């Protein structure tokens, strides 16, 4: 492995803030280059794991978590790593943002029920945050099969959803299907 400090472009003994800043900058620059991102992630992980400030809760203090590292891991597709760090945060320190990020990971994995529960908890803990509400609504709509479309009315006041032409087309399609199966829905003579 290359020198992790040179991979991130920082001096040895750099502060945790410098390491995070360099990682974020490189992650944004190389997010579409999988091989380069692997090298950057390994260097970052090595520095973080071997720094004197590393603890079992992944560098998070009881006073509150710094979620920027988790967000960058999620945006670079490192969901397992983000999950491990999130789960390392003690239950007593989990705030609305923790539940939002947990829901984001679950949503990206397609676990919509769990994501909805976590987004709901985030919204309940911080009711003024519209991002949490929008994430919850998006998952609920995805779970139920999509967004509802409003009905449009024609000038005459009738619903535009069902016209006579639509009925005729549907009937002709049904007839064609029946004829393919040997039957006849509309007999001509």
Protein backbone atom coordinates (compact mmCIF):
# COMPACT_ATOMS: atom_id res chain seq x y z
CA UNK A 1 0.00 0.00 0.00
CA UNK A 2 1.18 3.50 -0.78
CA UNK A 3 1.80 5.98 1.98
CA UNK A 4 -1.77 6.89 3.06
CA UNK A 5 -0.79 10.49 3.75
CA UNK A 6 0.57 10.95 0.24
CA UNK A 7 -2.57 9.34 -1.22
CA UNK A 8 -4.68 11.97 0.54
CA UNK A 9 -2.12 14.69 -0.21
CA UNK A 10 -1.62 15.73 3.42
CA UNK A 11 1.45 15.88 5.67
CA UNK A 12 2.10 13.10 8.18
CA UNK A 13 0.63 13.96 11.54
CA UNK A 14 -2.18 16.00 9.99
CA UNK A 15 -5.09 16.88 12.24
CA UNK A 16 -8.33 14.89 12.01
CA UNK A 17 -9.98 17.94 10.43
CA UNK A 18 -7.30 18.06 7.71
CA UNK A 19 -7.72 14.34 7.06
CA UNK A 20 -11.51 14.66 6.73
CA UNK A 21 -11.24 17.72 4.51
CA UNK A 22 -8.74 16.02 2.19
CA UNK A 23 -10.88 12.88 2.06
CA UNK A 24 -14.05 14.83 1.21
CA UNK A 25 -12.29 16.77 -1.53
CA UNK A 26 -10.85 13.63 -3.13
CA UNK A 27 -14.11 11.68 -2.72
CA UNK A 28 -15.99 14.37 -4.62
CA UNK A 29 -13.33 14.50 -7.32
CA UNK A 30 -12.99 10.73 -7.86
CA UNK A 31 -16.44 9.41 -6.91
CA UNK A 32 -16.94 7.84 -10.34
CA UNK A 33 -13.50 6.18 -10.40
CA UNK A 34 -13.95 3.00 -8.35
CA UNK A 35 -10.29 2.01 -8.28
CA UNK A 36 -9.12 5.46 -7.14
CA UNK A 37 -11.90 5.61 -4.53
CA UNK A 38 -10.80 2.27 -3.11
CA UNK A 39 -7.28 3.63 -2.71
CA UNK A 40 -8.57 6.84 -1.09
CA UNK A 41 -10.90 4.92 1.23
CA UNK A 42 -8.11 2.56 2.32
CA UNK A 43 -5.78 5.47 3.03
CA UNK A 44 -8.45 7.31 4.99
CA UNK A 45 -9.41 4.22 6.97
CA UNK A 46 -5.77 3.47 7.75
CA UNK A 47 -5.12 6.98 9.05
CA UNK A 48 -8.32 7.06 11.12
CA UNK A 49 -7.82 3.57 12.55
CA UNK A 50 -4.21 4.27 13.49
CA UNK A 51 -4.64 7.75 14.90
CA UNK A 52 -4.39 8.19 18.65
CA UNK A 53 -7.91 9.68 18.83
CA UNK A 54 -9.62 6.54 17.51
CA UNK A 55 -12.04 4.88 19.92
CA UNK A 56 -14.47 1.98 19.79
CA UNK A 57 -17.26 4.34 18.84
CA UNK A 58 -15.42 5.33 15.65
CA UNK A 59 -14.27 8.70 16.92
CA UNK A 60 -17.67 9.87 18.10
CA UNK A 61 -18.05 11.45 21.47
CA UNK A 62 -20.97 11.23 23.84
CA UNK A 63 -21.57 14.96 23.36
CA UNK A 64 -22.75 14.45 19.79
CA UNK A 65 -21.72 12.86 16.54
CA UNK A 66 -19.98 14.32 13.52
CA UNK A 67 -21.89 12.73 10.66
CA UNK A 68 -19.83 14.15 7.79
CA UNK A 69 -17.75 10.97 7.47
CA UNK A 70 -20.89 8.83 7.36
CA UNK A 71 -22.45 11.08 4.73
CA UNK A 72 -19.37 10.85 2.53
CA UNK A 73 -19.33 7.07 2.83
CA UNK A 74 -23.01 6.91 1.85
CA UNK A 75 -22.49 9.21 -1.13
CA UNK A 76 -19.52 7.14 -2.31
CA UNK A 77 -21.55 3.92 -2.04
CA UNK A 78 -19.76 2.51 1.01
CA UNK A 79 -23.01 1.56 2.74
CA UNK A 80 -21.52 -1.23 4.86
CA UNK A 81 -18.85 1.11 6.25
CA UNK A 82 -21.40 3.82 6.96
CA UNK A 83 -23.64 1.25 8.66
CA UNK A 84 -20.81 0.03 10.89
CA UNK A 85 -19.96 3.54 12.01
CA UNK A 86 -23.62 4.41 12.63
CA UNK A 87 -24.16 1.27 14.66
CA UNK A 88 -21.07 2.15 16.73
CA UNK A 89 -22.77 5.28 18.03
CA UNK A 90 -24.26 4.53 21.47
CA UNK A 91 -28.05 4.45 21.66
CA UNK A 92 -28.13 7.35 24.11
CA UNK A 93 -26.35 9.57 21.57
CA UNK A 94 -28.59 8.82 18.60
CA UNK A 95 -30.41 11.92 17.42
CA UNK A 96 -32.72 12.75 14.52
CA UNK A 97 -29.82 12.93 12.08
CA UNK A 98 -28.71 9.41 13.10
CA UNK A 99 -32.15 8.02 12.25
CA UNK A 100 -32.22 9.96 8.97
CA UNK A 101 -28.84 8.54 7.88
CA UNK A 102 -29.85 5.04 8.97
CA UNK A 103 -33.03 5.41 6.89
CA UNK A 104 -31.00 6.66 3.93
CA UNK A 105 -28.82 3.55 4.00
CA UNK A 106 -31.87 1.31 4.25
CA UNK A 107 -33.60 3.15 1.41
CA UNK A 108 -30.55 2.71 -0.85
CA UNK A 109 -30.64 -1.01 -0.07
CA UNK A 110 -34.33 -1.22 -0.91
CA UNK A 111 -35.46 -1.84 2.66
CA UNK A 112 -38.34 0.60 2.44
CA UNK A 113 -40.24 -0.49 5.55
CA UNK A 114 -37.21 -0.02 7.82
CA UNK A 115 -36.30 3.23 6.05
CA UNK A 116 -39.82 4.59 6.61
CA UNK A 117 -39.61 3.76 10.31
CA UNK A 118 -36.28 5.55 10.71
CA UNK A 119 -37.39 8.58 8.68
CA UNK A 120 -40.54 8.76 10.82
CA UNK A 121 -38.42 8.69 13.99
CA UNK A 122 -36.15 11.43 12.59
CA UNK A 123 -39.21 13.56 11.78
CA UNK A 124 -40.65 12.97 15.23
CA UNK A 125 -37.38 13.96 16.93
CA UNK A 126 -36.94 17.08 14.76
CA UNK A 127 -40.38 18.10 13.46
CA UNK A 128 -39.10 21.35 11.93
CA UNK A 129 -36.72 19.58 9.51
CA UNK A 130 -38.35 19.38 6.08
CA UNK A 131 -35.63 17.09 4.70
CA UNK A 132 -36.68 14.35 7.10
CA UNK A 133 -40.36 14.82 6.23
CA UNK A 134 -39.67 14.74 2.49
CA UNK A 135 -37.55 11.57 2.83
CA UNK A 136 -40.37 9.91 4.79
CA UNK A 137 -42.98 10.92 2.19
CA UNK A 138 -40.80 9.72 -0.67
CA UNK A 139 -40.39 6.28 0.90
CA UNK A 140 -44.08 6.01 1.74
CA UNK A 141 -44.99 6.86 -1.87
CA UNK A 142 -42.43 4.39 -3.22
CA UNK A 143 -43.78 1.69 -0.89
CA UNK A 144 -47.32 2.26 -2.09
CA UNK A 145 -46.39 2.06 -5.75
CA UNK A 146 -45.72 5.62 -6.71
CA UNK A 147 -47.13 9.07 -6.66
CA UNK A 148 -50.77 9.75 -7.23
CA UNK A 149 -51.68 11.73 -10.26
CA UNK A 150 -54.40 14.30 -10.12
CA UNK A 151 -57.44 13.92 -12.31
CA UNK A 152 -57.79 16.50 -15.01
CA UNK A 153 -61.10 17.70 -16.22
CA UNK A 154 -62.06 18.64 -19.73
CA UNK A 155 -63.86 21.87 -20.59
CA UNK A 156 -67.19 20.06 -20.30
CA UNK A 157 -66.39 19.15 -16.69
CA UNK A 158 -65.99 15.41 -17.25
CA UNK A 159 -62.94 13.46 -16.07
CA UNK A 160 -60.30 13.19 -18.75
CA UNK A 161 -59.22 9.80 -17.38
CA UNK A 162 -61.91 7.82 -19.21
CA UNK A 163 -63.12 8.87 -22.61
CA UNK A 164 -65.13 7.01 -25.21
CA UNK A 165 -61.99 6.56 -27.29
CA UNK A 166 -60.23 4.91 -24.36
CA UNK A 167 -63.13 2.48 -23.90
CA UNK A 168 -63.09 1.55 -27.60
CA UNK A 169 -59.34 1.05 -27.58
CA UNK A 170 -59.56 -1.12 -24.49
CA UNK A 171 -62.33 -3.19 -26.03
CA UNK A 172 -60.38 -3.69 -29.27
CA UNK A 173 -57.29 -4.75 -27.30
CA UNK A 174 -59.34 -7.22 -25.27
CA UNK A 175 -60.83 -8.60 -28.51
CA UNK A 176 -57.38 -9.03 -30.04
CA UNK A 177 -56.22 -10.92 -26.94
CA UNK A 178 -59.28 -13.18 -27.06
CA UNK A 179 -58.72 -13.92 -30.74
CA UNK A 180 -55.11 -14.88 -30.03
CA UNK A 181 -56.42 -17.45 -27.57
CA UNK A 182 -58.98 -18.84 -29.99
CA UNK A 183 -62.02 -16.88 -28.80
CA UNK A 184 -63.84 -13.86 -30.13
CA UNK A 185 -65.09 -11.01 -27.98
CA UNK A 186 -66.50 -8.93 -30.82
CA UNK A 187 -68.01 -11.01 -33.57
CA UNK A 188 -68.37 -9.43 -36.98
CA UNK A 189 -71.21 -11.33 -38.71
